[in-house]
Amino acid sequence: YPSLKRHLGIFGGIVVSGMVFGMLHFDLFRFFPLALGGIGLAFLYEKTRSLYSCIAAHGLWNFVMLLLLLLTRQSLA
């Protein structure tokens, strides 16, 4: 993101880095929601200037998704 921000400005850097984040998950079906998540993470970084907050937010998101997956499997069994 910092390199993109230098070349594209804050808005362009956030949007492009979010799109790259979505593409790097290699899932066309979930590209848009993942890109929005990436935009959110870049915005969080811009506001906090801390990679730790982004890591924590990403980890929390992954934990919630895992929890939902496990709860869904339990209800289907």
Protein backbone atom coordinates (compact mmCIF):
# COMPACT_ATOMS: atom_id res chain seq x y z
CA TYR A 1 0.00 0.00 0.00
CA PRO A 2 2.64 2.63 0.82
CA SER A 3 4.21 2.31 -2.64
CA LEU A 4 0.83 2.47 -4.36
CA LYS A 5 -0.10 5.49 -2.23
CA ARG A 6 3.05 7.30 -3.34
CA HIS A 7 2.20 6.74 -7.01
CA LEU A 8 -1.61 6.90 -6.96
CA GLY A 9 -2.50 8.98 -3.92
CA ILE A 10 -4.42 7.80 -0.87
CA PHE A 11 -7.70 6.93 -2.63
CA GLY A 12 -6.05 5.20 -5.60
CA GLY A 13 -3.62 3.34 -3.37
CA ILE A 14 -6.40 2.07 -1.12
CA VAL A 15 -8.59 0.92 -4.03
CA VAL A 16 -5.78 -0.75 -6.00
CA SER A 17 -4.32 -2.47 -2.94
CA GLY A 18 -7.81 -3.73 -2.05
CA MET A 19 -8.23 -5.15 -5.54
CA VAL A 20 -4.82 -6.83 -5.33
CA PHE A 21 -5.82 -8.27 -1.94
CA GLY A 22 -8.99 -9.71 -3.52
CA MET A 23 -7.11 -11.13 -6.52
CA LEU A 24 -4.44 -12.78 -4.38
CA HIS A 25 -7.08 -15.02 -2.82
CA PHE A 26 -7.61 -16.62 -6.27
CA ASP A 27 -11.39 -16.82 -5.88
CA LEU A 28 -13.37 -15.07 -8.60
CA PHE A 29 -16.68 -15.70 -6.81
CA ARG A 30 -15.51 -13.87 -3.67
CA PHE A 31 -13.31 -11.27 -5.37
CA PHE A 32 -15.61 -8.31 -4.68
CA PRO A 33 -16.15 -8.98 -0.94
CA LEU A 34 -12.45 -9.72 -0.50
CA ALA A 35 -11.50 -6.53 -2.36
CA LEU A 36 -13.80 -4.58 -0.04
CA GLY A 37 -12.10 -6.24 2.91
CA GLY A 38 -8.72 -5.25 1.48
CA ILE A 39 -9.93 -1.69 1.05
CA GLY A 40 -11.04 -1.72 4.68
CA LEU A 41 -7.64 -3.00 5.81
CA ALA A 42 -5.79 -0.35 3.80
CA PHE A 43 -8.09 2.34 5.22
CA LEU A 44 -7.42 0.98 8.73
CA TYR A 45 -3.68 1.17 8.06
CA GLU A 46 -4.04 4.73 6.78
CA LYS A 47 -5.88 5.78 9.94
CA THR A 48 -3.76 3.90 12.52
CA ARG A 49 -0.38 3.84 10.72
CA SER A 50 0.04 0.40 12.27
CA LEU A 51 0.34 -2.91 10.49
CA TYR A 52 -0.53 -4.59 13.81
CA SER A 53 -4.09 -3.26 13.68
CA CYS A 54 -4.49 -4.71 10.18
CA ILE A 55 -3.06 -8.06 11.27
CA ALA A 56 -5.43 -8.12 14.25
CA ALA A 57 -8.44 -7.21 12.08
CA HIS A 58 -7.54 -9.86 9.49
CA GLY A 59 -7.04 -12.46 12.22
CA LEU A 60 -10.35 -11.57 13.85
CA TRP A 61 -12.11 -11.84 10.48
CA ASN A 62 -10.55 -15.25 9.82
CA PHE A 63 -11.52 -16.42 13.32
CA VAL A 64 -15.15 -15.34 12.85
CA MET A 65 -15.29 -17.07 9.45
CA LEU A 66 -13.86 -20.27 10.97
CA LEU A 67 -16.36 -20.09 13.82
CA LEU A 68 -19.26 -19.65 11.38
CA LEU A 69 -18.00 -22.56 9.29
CA LEU A 70 -17.78 -24.82 12.34
CA LEU A 71 -21.22 -23.77 13.60
CA THR A 72 -22.72 -24.36 10.16
CA ARG A 73 -21.19 -27.84 9.98
CA GLN A 74 -22.56 -28.65 13.44
CA SER A 75 -26.10 -27.64 12.41
CA LEU A 76 -25.91 -29.69 9.19
CA ALA A 77 -24.74 -32.87 10.94
